[in-house]
PDB file of N, CA and C in Angstrom:
ATOM      1  N   UNK A   1     108.191 118.370  94.964  1.00  0.00           N
ATOM      2  CA  UNK A   1     108.029 118.695  96.370  1.00  0.00           C
ATOM      3  C   UNK A   1     106.916 117.842  96.972  1.00  0.00           C
ATOM      4  N   UNK A   2     107.130 117.442  98.188  1.00  0.00           N
ATOM      5  CA  UNK A   2     106.040 116.812  98.918  1.00  0.00           C
ATOM      6  C   UNK A   2     105.032 117.901  99.261  1.00  0.00           C
ATOM      7  N   UNK A   3     103.766 117.628  99.051  1.00  0.00           N
ATOM      8  CA  UNK A   3     102.709 118.604  99.287  1.00  0.00           C
ATOM      9  C   UNK A   3     102.776 119.161 100.705  1.00  0.00           C
ATOM     10  N   UNK A   4     102.689 120.485 100.813  1.00  0.00           N
ATOM     11  CA  UNK A   4     102.695 121.143 102.112  1.00  0.00           C
ATOM     12  C   UNK A   4     104.063 121.246 102.765  1.00  0.00           C
ATOM     13  N   UNK A   5     105.116 120.903 102.007  1.00  0.00           N
ATOM     14  CA  UNK A   5     106.480 120.982 102.551  1.00  0.00           C
ATOM     15  C   UNK A   5     107.369 121.723 101.556  1.00  0.00           C
ATOM     16  N   UNK A   6     108.598 121.901 101.951  1.00  0.00           N
ATOM     17  CA  UNK A   6     109.608 122.428 101.032  1.00  0.00           C
ATOM     18  C   UNK A   6     110.631 121.341 100.718  1.00  0.00           C
ATOM     19  N   UNK A   7     110.243 120.086 100.897  1.00  0.00           N
ATOM     20  CA  UNK A   7     111.144 118.956 100.705  1.00  0.00           C
ATOM     21  C   UNK A   7     110.943 118.379  99.301  1.00  0.00           C
ATOM     22  N   UNK A   8     111.999 118.394  98.485  1.00  0.00           N
ATOM     23  CA  UNK A   8     111.887 117.815  97.147  1.00  0.00           C
ATOM     24  C   UNK A   8     111.789 116.291  97.207  1.00  0.00           C
ATOM     25  N   UNK A   9     111.027 115.731  96.296  1.00  0.00           N
ATOM     26  CA  UNK A   9     110.926 114.272  96.190  1.00  0.00           C
ATOM     27  C   UNK A   9     112.319 113.670  95.992  1.00  0.00           C
ATOM     28  N   UNK A  10     113.162 114.370  95.258  1.00  0.00           N
ATOM     29  CA  UNK A  10     114.511 113.876  94.985  1.00  0.00           C
ATOM     30  C   UNK A  10     115.284 113.585  96.267  1.00  0.00           C
ATOM     31  N   UNK A  11     114.974 114.292  97.345  1.00  0.00           N
ATOM     32  CA  UNK A  11     115.645 114.033  98.624  1.00  0.00           C
ATOM     33  C   UNK A  11     115.373 112.609  99.096  1.00  0.00           C
ATOM     34  N   UNK A  12     114.133 112.163  98.974  1.00  0.00           N
ATOM     35  CA  UNK A  12     113.802 110.794  99.357  1.00  0.00           C
ATOM     36  C   UNK A  12     114.537 109.805  98.461  1.00  0.00           C
ATOM     37  N   UNK A  13     114.506 110.054  97.166  1.00  0.00           N
ATOM     38  CA  UNK A  13     115.185 109.154  96.225  1.00  0.00           C
ATOM     39  C   UNK A  13     116.677 109.067  96.549  1.00  0.00           C
ATOM     40  N   UNK A  14     117.303 110.215  96.795  1.00  0.00           N
ATOM     41  CA  UNK A  14     118.737 110.235  97.105  1.00  0.00           C
ATOM     42  C   UNK A  14     119.049 109.458  98.377  1.00  0.00           C
ATOM     43  N   UNK A  15     118.228 109.619  99.397  1.00  0.00           N
ATOM     44  CA  UNK A  15     118.452 108.900 100.652  1.00  0.00           C
ATOM     45  C   UNK A  15     118.332 107.393 100.447  1.00  0.00           C
ATOM     46  N   UNK A  16     117.306 106.983  99.727  1.00  0.00           N
ATOM     47  CA  UNK A  16     117.108 105.551  99.501  1.00  0.00           C
ATOM     48  C   UNK A  16     118.228 104.965  98.646  1.00  0.00           C
ATOM     49  N   UNK A  17     118.666 105.719  97.628  1.00  0.00           N
ATOM     50  CA  UNK A  17     119.781 105.259  96.793  1.00  0.00           C
ATOM     51  C   UNK A  17     121.052 105.105  97.608  1.00  0.00           C
ATOM     52  N   UNK A  18     121.226 105.943  98.623  1.00  0.00           N
ATOM     53  CA  UNK A  18     122.413 105.891  99.478  1.00  0.00           C
ATOM     54  C   UNK A  18     122.335 104.760 100.510  1.00  0.00           C
ATOM     55  N   UNK A  19     121.168 104.088 100.560  1.00  0.00           N
ATOM     56  CA  UNK A  19     121.017 102.979 101.501  1.00  0.00           C
ATOM     57  C   UNK A  19     120.357 103.354 102.810  1.00  0.00           C
ATOM     58  N   UNK A  20     119.899 104.597 102.914  1.00  0.00           N
ATOM     59  CA  UNK A  20     119.222 105.021 104.133  1.00  0.00           C
ATOM     60  C   UNK A  20     117.823 104.408 104.197  1.00  0.00           C
ATOM     61  N   UNK A  21     117.348 104.186 105.397  1.00  0.00           N
ATOM     62  CA  UNK A  21     115.998 103.650 105.570  1.00  0.00           C
ATOM     63  C   UNK A  21     114.970 104.775 105.437  1.00  0.00           C
ATOM     64  N   UNK A  22     113.740 104.384 105.217  1.00  0.00           N
ATOM     65  CA  UNK A  22     112.658 105.368 105.175  1.00  0.00           C
ATOM     66  C   UNK A  22     112.554 106.088 106.514  1.00  0.00           C
ATOM     67  N   UNK A  23     112.703 105.352 107.610  1.00  0.00           N
ATOM     68  CA  UNK A  23     112.641 105.973 108.942  1.00  0.00           C
ATOM     69  C   UNK A  23     113.726 107.034 109.114  1.00  0.00           C
ATOM     70  N   UNK A  24     114.926 106.747 108.620  1.00  0.00           N
ATOM     71  CA  UNK A  24     116.013 107.717 108.724  1.00  0.00           C
ATOM     72  C   UNK A  24     115.660 108.994 107.949  1.00  0.00           C
ATOM     73  N   UNK A  25     115.126 108.822 106.738  1.00  0.00           N
ATOM     74  CA  UNK A  25     114.707 109.975 105.947  1.00  0.00           C
ATOM     75  C   UNK A  25     113.660 110.788 106.689  1.00  0.00           C
ATOM     76  N   UNK A  26     112.652 110.107 107.225  1.00  0.00           N
ATOM     77  CA  UNK A  26     111.556 110.804 107.914  1.00  0.00           C
ATOM     78  C   UNK A  26     112.027 111.530 109.166  1.00  0.00           C
ATOM     79  N   UNK A  27     113.026 110.981 109.847  1.00  0.00           N
ATOM     80  CA  UNK A  27     113.590 111.671 111.021  1.00  0.00           C
ATOM     81  C   UNK A  27     114.244 112.985 110.602  1.00  0.00           C
ATOM     82  N   UNK A  28     114.867 113.001 109.438  1.00  0.00           N
ATOM     83  CA  UNK A  28     115.549 114.199 108.959  1.00  0.00           C
ATOM     84  C   UNK A  28     114.617 115.223 108.336  1.00  0.00           C
ATOM     85  N   UNK A  29     113.426 114.770 107.940  1.00  0.00           N
ATOM     86  CA  UNK A  29     112.461 115.650 107.292  1.00  0.00           C
ATOM     87  C   UNK A  29     111.095 115.460 107.953  1.00  0.00           C
ATOM     88  N   UNK A  30     110.936 115.992 109.159  1.00  0.00           N
ATOM     89  CA  UNK A  30     109.699 115.753 109.905  1.00  0.00           C
ATOM     90  C   UNK A  30     108.442 116.357 109.273  1.00  0.00           C
ATOM     91  N   UNK A  31     108.609 117.258 108.313  1.00  0.00           N
ATOM     92  CA  UNK A  31     107.422 117.823 107.657  1.00  0.00           C
ATOM     93  C   UNK A  31     106.819 116.852 106.639  1.00  0.00           C
ATOM     94  N   UNK A  32     107.556 115.800 106.281  1.00  0.00           N
ATOM     95  CA  UNK A  32     107.044 114.776 105.365  1.00  0.00           C
ATOM     96  C   UNK A  32     106.445 113.651 106.207  1.00  0.00           C
ATOM     97  N   UNK A  33     105.213 113.296 105.914  1.00  0.00           N
ATOM     98  CA  UNK A  33     104.590 112.207 106.669  1.00  0.00           C
ATOM     99  C   UNK A  33     104.957 110.860 106.053  1.00  0.00           C
ATOM    100  N   UNK A  34     104.886 109.840 106.861  1.00  0.00           N
ATOM    101  CA  UNK A  34     105.123 108.478 106.381  1.00  0.00           C
ATOM    102  C   UNK A  34     104.156 108.164 105.231  1.00  0.00           C
ATOM    103  N   UNK A  35     102.909 108.587 105.374  1.00  0.00           N
ATOM    104  CA  UNK A  35     101.903 108.328 104.342  1.00  0.00           C
ATOM    105  C   UNK A  35     102.288 108.980 103.014  1.00  0.00           C
ATOM    106  N   UNK A  36     102.823 110.202 103.069  1.00  0.00           N
ATOM    107  CA  UNK A  36     103.255 110.875 101.842  1.00  0.00           C
ATOM    108  C   UNK A  36     104.386 110.104 101.163  1.00  0.00           C
ATOM    109  N   UNK A  37     105.365 109.691 101.949  1.00  0.00           N
ATOM    110  CA  UNK A  37     106.516 108.982 101.387  1.00  0.00           C
ATOM    111  C   UNK A  37     106.089 107.646 100.794  1.00  0.00           C
ATOM    112  N   UNK A  38     105.258 106.908 101.495  1.00  0.00           N
ATOM    113  CA  UNK A  38     104.805 105.612 101.001  1.00  0.00           C
ATOM    114  C   UNK A  38     103.946 105.792  99.754  1.00  0.00           C
ATOM    115  N   UNK A  39     103.094 106.803  99.747  1.00  0.00           N
ATOM    116  CA  UNK A  39     102.260 107.063  98.568  1.00  0.00           C
ATOM    117  C   UNK A  39     103.136 107.332  97.349  1.00  0.00           C
ATOM    118  N   UNK A  40     104.204 108.101  97.527  1.00  0.00           N
ATOM    119  CA  UNK A  40     105.099 108.357  96.403  1.00  0.00           C
ATOM    120  C   UNK A  40     105.775 107.075  95.949  1.00  0.00           C
ATOM    121  N   UNK A  41     106.269 106.280  96.891  1.00  0.00           N
ATOM    122  CA  UNK A  41     106.961 105.041  96.519  1.00  0.00           C
ATOM    123  C   UNK A  41     106.023 104.076  95.801  1.00  0.00           C
ATOM    124  N   UNK A  42     104.785 103.979  96.261  1.00  0.00           N
ATOM    125  CA  UNK A  42     103.807 103.120  95.587  1.00  0.00           C
ATOM    126  C   UNK A  42     103.506 103.637  94.182  1.00  0.00           C
ATOM    127  N   UNK A  43     103.363 104.947  94.040  1.00  0.00           N
ATOM    128  CA  UNK A  43     103.127 105.547  92.730  1.00  0.00           C
ATOM    129  C   UNK A  43     104.305 105.270  91.794  1.00  0.00           C
ATOM    130  N   UNK A  44     105.516 105.458  92.302  1.00  0.00           N
ATOM    131  CA  UNK A  44     106.708 105.232  91.481  1.00  0.00           C
ATOM    132  C   UNK A  44     106.803 103.770  91.047  1.00  0.00           C
ATOM    133  N   UNK A  45     106.502 102.862  91.944  1.00  0.00           N
ATOM    134  CA  UNK A  45     106.540 101.447  91.607  1.00  0.00           C
ATOM    135  C   UNK A  45     105.507 101.107  90.546  1.00  0.00           C
ATOM    136  N   UNK A  46     104.277 101.565  90.732  1.00  0.00           N
ATOM    137  CA  UNK A  46     103.220 101.267  89.778  1.00  0.00           C
ATOM    138  C   UNK A  46     103.515 101.906  88.418  1.00  0.00           C
ATOM    139  N   UNK A  47     104.072 103.102  88.428  1.00  0.00           N
ATOM    140  CA  UNK A  47     104.428 103.773  87.188  1.00  0.00           C
ATOM    141  C   UNK A  47     105.532 103.002  86.469  1.00  0.00           C
ATOM    142  N   UNK A  48     106.527 102.576  87.213  1.00  0.00           N
ATOM    143  CA  UNK A  48     107.638 101.842  86.609  1.00  0.00           C
ATOM    144  C   UNK A  48     107.175 100.505  86.043  1.00  0.00           C
ATOM    145  N   UNK A  49     106.387  99.787  86.781  1.00  0.00           N
ATOM    146  CA  UNK A  49     105.920  98.487  86.308  1.00  0.00           C
ATOM    147  C   UNK A  49     104.902  98.625  85.189  1.00  0.00           C
ATOM    148  N   UNK A  50     104.046  99.604  85.295  1.00  0.00           N
ATOM    149  CA  UNK A  50     103.020  99.799  84.286  1.00  0.00           C
ATOM    150  C   UNK A  50     103.554 100.301  82.969  1.00  0.00           C
ATOM    151  N   UNK A  51     104.658 101.023  83.000  1.00  0.00           N
ATOM    152  CA  UNK A  51     105.186 101.581  81.763  1.00  0.00           C
ATOM    153  C   UNK A  51     106.278 100.724  81.159  1.00  0.00           C
ATOM    154  N   UNK A  52     106.686  99.679  81.844  1.00  0.00           N
ATOM    155  CA  UNK A  52     107.743  98.812  81.339  1.00  0.00           C
ATOM    156  C   UNK A  52     107.143  97.792  80.385  1.00  0.00           C
ATOM    157  N   UNK A  53     107.657  97.708  79.161  1.00  0.00           N
ATOM    158  CA  UNK A  53     107.045  96.807  78.183  1.00  0.00           C
ATOM    159  C   UNK A  53     107.098  95.337  78.577  1.00  0.00           C
ATOM    160  N   UNK A  54     108.005  94.961  79.443  1.00  0.00           N
ATOM    161  CA  UNK A  54     108.093  93.570  79.868  1.00  0.00           C
ATOM    162  C   UNK A  54     107.865  93.454  81.365  1.00  0.00           C
ATOM    163  N   UNK A  55     106.875  94.177  81.890  1.00  0.00           N
ATOM    164  CA  UNK A  55     106.659  94.203  83.336  1.00  0.00           C
ATOM    165  C   UNK A  55     106.289  92.836  83.882  1.00  0.00           C
ATOM    166  N   UNK A  56     105.791  91.916  83.044  1.00  0.00           N
ATOM    167  CA  UNK A  56     105.447  90.579  83.517  1.00  0.00           C
ATOM    168  C   UNK A  56     106.663  89.825  84.039  1.00  0.00           C
ATOM    169  N   UNK A  57     107.836  90.156  83.570  1.00  0.00           N
ATOM    170  CA  UNK A  57     109.019  89.426  84.023  1.00  0.00           C
ATOM    171  C   UNK A  57     109.356  89.720  85.486  1.00  0.00           C
ATOM    172  N   UNK A  58     108.749  90.755  86.059  1.00  0.00           N
ATOM    173  CA  UNK A  58     108.983  91.093  87.454  1.00  0.00           C
ATOM    174  C   UNK A  58     107.970  90.443  88.388  1.00  0.00           C
ATOM    175  N   UNK A  59     106.970  89.799  87.823  1.00  0.00           N
ATOM    176  CA  UNK A  59     105.939  89.170  88.636  1.00  0.00           C
ATOM    177  C   UNK A  59     106.298  87.714  88.890  1.00  0.00           C
ATOM    178  N   UNK A  60     105.825  87.190  90.000  1.00  0.00           N
ATOM    179  CA  UNK A  60     106.048  85.780  90.307  1.00  0.00           C
ATOM    180  C   UNK A  60     105.246  84.939  89.330  1.00  0.00           C
ATOM    181  N   UNK A  61     105.824  83.824  88.895  1.00  0.00           N
ATOM    182  CA  UNK A  61     105.055  82.957  88.002  1.00  0.00           C
ATOM    183  C   UNK A  61     103.874  82.344  88.727  1.00  0.00           C
ATOM    184  N   UNK A  62     102.815  82.076  87.982  1.00  0.00           N
ATOM    185  CA  UNK A  62     101.613  81.449  88.544  1.00  0.00           C
ATOM    186  C   UNK A  62     101.898  79.969  88.750  1.00  0.00           C
ATOM    187  N   UNK A  63     101.904  79.546  89.994  1.00  0.00           N
ATOM    188  CA  UNK A  63     102.174  78.148  90.302  1.00  0.00           C
ATOM    189  C   UNK A  63     100.921  77.410  90.733  1.00  0.00           C
ATOM    190  N   UNK A  64      99.760  78.018  90.517  1.00  0.00           N
ATOM    191  CA  UNK A  64      98.510  77.399  90.958  1.00  0.00           C
ATOM    192  C   UNK A  64      98.041  76.323  89.994  1.00  0.00           C
ATOM    193  N   UNK A  65      98.622  76.289  88.804  1.00  0.00           N
ATOM    194  CA  UNK A  65      98.183  75.314  87.817  1.00  0.00           C
ATOM    195  C   UNK A  65      97.030  75.800  86.980  1.00  0.00           C
ATOM    196  N   UNK A  66      96.496  76.972  87.318  1.00  0.00           N
ATOM    197  CA  UNK A  66      95.399  77.545  86.560  1.00  0.00           C
ATOM    198  C   UNK A  66      95.955  78.503  85.522  1.00  0.00           C
ATOM    199  N   UNK A  67      95.278  78.612  84.397  1.00  0.00           N
ATOM    200  CA  UNK A  67      95.726  79.551  83.369  1.00  0.00           C
ATOM    201  C   UNK A  67      94.732  80.621  83.150  1.00  0.00           C
TER     202      UNK A  67
END
């Protein structure tokens, strides 16, 4: 649940999986703030990348010439 609401996090995930925009989700669930939704998405991204054993493959290669 998003804190202070009765909206499950899964609702956001389902909307995004269906191709809906974040704005569309927020219009349908006005008790969820944009900040709450973005905080969850950032947490999910960091968790996914941090726990993936090959997370470096998702990063852009260093093209600066420095090692």
